[in-house]
Amino acid sequence: MVADGVSKVVVRVNSQVTQDSFIFVNGQEAAETPHTLILKEFFKIQPKALGIVQIMTGVMVFFLGVVLTTSGYGYPAILVYSGITYWGSFIYISAGSLSIAAQYKYQLFLMKASLGINVFSAISAGISILLMSIQIFILSTMDPSLYVEYFMLRIIGVMLVLTIPQFFISVYISAFACKATCNRDSTVLSVALN
């Protein structure tokens, strides 16, 4: 009842708890917890498959960087001096390994670690794309009469073709992992005025 023209406000807090939802972990049935809901959201992007692509990209960039370093031609090698082909490929391989481990181990801290390393992977891939573009521009302005310059242009072009998808994969995994971890504390408020 309302007395003297004063309204009564009722506030109900309904947390998003899924009842009767089960998932299977290692062949055993377990009720979903907030952590498993977060991981389930993250697994929608297939981090294992994307992690394998990241590892293969890292290995290819590493070996092409070795070829670029041992070429012996005295051109202005920004990629060789910066070492981006080595530390960048290490970051790509680490990001892919953590993405695969997050799907196999089914633990929240691995997903958060995958988020962090994929942010670094996206940054290093962006730096690599910039440096490779500068290197291609420098080599293309030189006299392309030597076979070595064409060879270097091809190697850097292949590295660029591998690094661009690496950038997008890292951003994609980071976005999904961030979305999954940020939505874990959401609650629904319903207010009824009588």
Protein backbone atom coordinates (compact mmCIF):
# COMPACT_ATOMS: atom_id res chain seq x y z
CA MET A 1 0.00 0.00 0.00
CA VAL A 2 1.07 3.54 -0.67
CA ALA A 3 0.47 6.14 2.00
CA ASP A 4 0.49 9.92 1.68
CA GLY A 5 1.35 9.96 -2.06
CA VAL A 6 4.78 8.31 -1.64
CA SER A 7 5.60 5.61 -4.18
CA LYS A 8 7.15 2.38 -3.15
CA VAL A 9 10.16 1.27 -5.25
CA VAL A 10 11.02 -2.39 -5.45
CA VAL A 11 14.43 -3.32 -6.82
CA ARG A 12 15.14 -6.90 -7.82
CA VAL A 13 18.59 -8.04 -8.84
CA ASN A 14 18.65 -11.08 -11.10
CA SER A 15 22.10 -12.42 -11.77
CA GLN A 16 22.61 -14.33 -14.96
CA VAL A 17 22.93 -17.86 -13.69
CA THR A 18 22.30 -20.62 -16.15
CA GLN A 19 20.55 -23.55 -14.58
CA ASP A 20 20.47 -27.07 -15.97
CA SER A 21 23.37 -26.28 -18.31
CA PHE A 22 26.07 -28.86 -18.55
CA ILE A 23 29.31 -29.11 -20.43
CA PHE A 24 31.64 -32.02 -20.90
CA VAL A 25 35.25 -31.70 -19.75
CA ASN A 26 37.50 -34.67 -20.49
CA GLY A 27 34.48 -36.94 -20.90
CA GLN A 28 32.87 -35.95 -17.59
CA GLU A 29 29.73 -33.91 -17.13
CA ALA A 30 30.11 -30.73 -15.11
CA ALA A 31 27.80 -27.82 -14.38
CA GLU A 32 28.69 -24.54 -16.05
CA THR A 33 30.36 -21.98 -13.85
CA PRO A 34 31.07 -18.37 -14.76
CA HIS A 35 34.59 -19.39 -15.76
CA THR A 36 33.36 -22.11 -18.11
CA LEU A 37 30.90 -19.68 -19.66
CA ILE A 38 33.78 -17.30 -20.36
CA LEU A 39 35.87 -20.07 -21.87
CA LYS A 40 32.92 -21.32 -23.91
CA GLU A 41 32.56 -17.83 -25.41
CA PHE A 42 36.28 -17.81 -26.22
CA PHE A 43 36.15 -21.26 -27.86
CA LYS A 44 33.64 -20.05 -30.44
CA ILE A 45 36.52 -18.62 -32.50
CA GLN A 46 38.42 -21.93 -32.65
CA PRO A 47 41.64 -20.74 -30.98
CA LYS A 48 43.36 -24.06 -31.74
CA ALA A 49 43.09 -23.59 -35.51
CA LEU A 50 44.08 -19.93 -35.33
CA GLY A 51 46.99 -20.82 -33.02
CA ILE A 52 48.30 -23.35 -35.54
CA VAL A 53 48.23 -20.67 -38.24
CA GLN A 54 50.11 -18.30 -35.90
CA ILE A 55 52.79 -20.90 -35.19
CA MET A 56 53.26 -21.71 -38.87
CA THR A 57 53.48 -18.01 -39.68
CA GLY A 58 56.08 -17.50 -36.96
CA VAL A 59 58.19 -20.43 -38.21
CA MET A 60 58.05 -19.23 -41.83
CA VAL A 61 58.94 -15.64 -40.90
CA PHE A 62 61.84 -16.92 -38.79
CA PHE A 63 63.31 -19.02 -41.61
CA LEU A 64 62.82 -16.26 -44.18
CA GLY A 65 64.54 -13.89 -41.74
CA VAL A 66 67.50 -16.29 -41.56
CA VAL A 67 67.70 -16.29 -45.37
CA LEU A 68 67.48 -12.49 -45.37
CA THR A 69 70.22 -12.20 -42.75
CA THR A 70 72.63 -14.60 -44.45
CA SER A 71 72.20 -13.16 -47.94
CA GLY A 72 75.49 -11.29 -47.74
CA TYR A 73 74.40 -8.42 -49.98
CA GLY A 74 75.22 -4.96 -48.61
CA TYR A 75 71.84 -3.24 -48.97
CA PRO A 76 70.24 -1.12 -46.25
CA ALA A 77 68.54 -3.95 -44.34
CA ILE A 78 66.10 -2.41 -41.88
CA LEU A 79 64.55 -5.79 -41.12
CA VAL A 80 67.92 -7.37 -40.32
CA TYR A 81 69.11 -4.50 -38.11
CA SER A 82 65.85 -4.32 -36.17
CA GLY A 83 65.70 -8.09 -35.61
CA ILE A 84 61.95 -8.05 -36.15
CA THR A 85 62.10 -11.32 -38.04
CA TYR A 86 63.45 -13.07 -34.94
CA TRP A 87 61.69 -11.49 -31.98
CA GLY A 88 58.51 -11.01 -34.00
CA SER A 89 58.40 -14.68 -34.97
CA PHE A 90 59.06 -15.65 -31.35
CA ILE A 91 56.03 -13.59 -30.30
CA TYR A 92 53.89 -15.16 -33.07
CA ILE A 93 54.87 -18.68 -32.00
CA SER A 94 54.21 -17.84 -28.33
CA ALA A 95 50.79 -16.39 -29.14
CA GLY A 96 49.83 -19.44 -31.16
CA SER A 97 51.06 -21.82 -28.46
CA LEU A 98 49.06 -20.04 -25.76
CA SER A 99 45.94 -20.03 -27.94
CA ILE A 100 46.25 -23.79 -28.43
CA ALA A 101 46.98 -24.36 -24.74
CA ALA A 102 43.93 -22.31 -23.75
CA GLN A 103 41.69 -24.67 -25.69
CA TYR A 104 43.35 -27.87 -24.46
CA LYS A 105 43.78 -27.00 -20.77
CA TYR A 106 40.41 -25.26 -20.39
CA GLN A 107 41.66 -22.74 -17.83
CA LEU A 108 40.83 -19.05 -17.54
CA PHE A 109 44.38 -17.85 -16.83
CA LEU A 110 45.57 -19.38 -20.14
CA MET A 111 42.88 -17.47 -22.00
CA LYS A 112 43.96 -14.24 -20.30
CA ALA A 113 47.61 -15.01 -21.11
CA SER A 114 46.59 -15.64 -24.72
CA LEU A 115 44.83 -12.26 -24.71
CA GLY A 116 47.97 -10.50 -23.47
CA ILE A 117 50.42 -12.13 -25.85
CA ASN A 118 48.06 -11.64 -28.81
CA VAL A 119 47.99 -7.92 -28.07
CA PHE A 120 51.81 -7.93 -28.24
CA SER A 121 51.62 -10.07 -31.37
CA ALA A 122 49.31 -7.55 -33.06
CA ILE A 123 51.66 -4.70 -32.12
CA SER A 124 54.75 -6.53 -33.39
CA ALA A 125 52.94 -7.54 -36.59
CA GLY A 126 51.98 -3.90 -37.15
CA ILE A 127 55.59 -2.82 -36.66
CA SER A 128 56.72 -5.61 -39.01
CA ILE A 129 54.28 -4.52 -41.70
CA LEU A 130 55.55 -0.95 -41.43
CA LEU A 131 59.22 -1.97 -41.58
CA MET A 132 58.65 -4.39 -44.46
CA SER A 133 56.81 -1.70 -46.42
CA ILE A 134 59.72 0.71 -45.89
CA GLN A 135 62.20 -2.01 -46.90
CA ILE A 136 60.26 -2.81 -50.09
CA PHE A 137 60.14 0.90 -50.94
CA ILE A 138 63.91 1.27 -50.43
CA LEU A 139 64.72 -1.80 -52.52
CA SER A 140 62.35 -0.81 -55.31
CA THR A 141 64.00 2.63 -55.65
CA MET A 142 67.43 1.05 -56.11
CA ASP A 143 68.63 -0.09 -59.52
CA PRO A 144 66.88 -3.45 -59.87
CA SER A 145 69.49 -4.81 -62.25
CA LEU A 146 70.87 -7.28 -59.76
CA TYR A 147 69.33 -10.67 -59.17
CA VAL A 148 69.91 -10.30 -55.42
CA GLU A 149 67.62 -7.28 -55.21
CA TYR A 150 64.81 -9.18 -56.93
CA PHE A 151 65.44 -12.09 -54.59
CA MET A 152 65.26 -9.83 -51.52
CA LEU A 153 62.10 -8.17 -52.80
CA ARG A 154 60.47 -11.57 -53.18
CA ILE A 155 61.49 -12.73 -49.71
CA ILE A 156 60.26 -9.54 -48.06
CA GLY A 157 57.05 -9.73 -50.12
CA VAL A 158 56.38 -13.27 -48.89
CA MET A 159 57.10 -12.18 -45.32
CA LEU A 160 54.66 -9.31 -45.75
CA VAL A 161 52.00 -11.66 -47.12
CA LEU A 162 52.46 -13.87 -44.04
CA THR A 163 52.54 -11.00 -41.54
CA ILE A 164 49.33 -9.28 -42.63
CA PRO A 165 47.10 -12.28 -41.73
CA GLN A 166 49.09 -12.66 -38.51
CA PHE A 167 48.10 -9.12 -37.58
CA PHE A 168 44.41 -9.77 -38.24
CA ILE A 169 44.41 -13.13 -36.43
CA SER A 170 46.03 -11.55 -33.36
CA VAL A 171 43.51 -8.71 -33.32
CA TYR A 172 40.64 -11.19 -33.78
CA ILE A 173 41.74 -13.46 -30.93
CA SER A 174 42.41 -10.46 -28.68
CA ALA A 175 38.98 -9.00 -29.39
CA PHE A 176 37.17 -12.25 -28.62
CA ALA A 177 39.20 -12.93 -25.48
CA CYS A 178 38.60 -9.38 -24.25
CA LYS A 179 34.88 -9.65 -25.00
CA ALA A 180 34.68 -12.96 -23.13
CA THR A 181 36.51 -11.69 -20.05
CA CYS A 182 34.74 -8.32 -19.91
CA ASN A 183 31.21 -9.77 -19.92
CA ARG A 184 31.72 -12.08 -16.94
CA ASP A 185 30.32 -9.78 -14.23
CA SER A 186 27.17 -8.67 -16.00
CA THR A 187 23.96 -8.58 -13.98
CA VAL A 188 20.41 -7.64 -14.84
CA LEU A 189 18.57 -5.05 -12.75
CA SER A 190 14.82 -4.90 -12.94
CA VAL A 191 13.05 -2.03 -11.21
CA ALA A 192 9.32 -2.13 -10.55
CA LEU A 193 7.42 0.99 -9.57
CA ASN A 194 4.21 0.41 -7.67
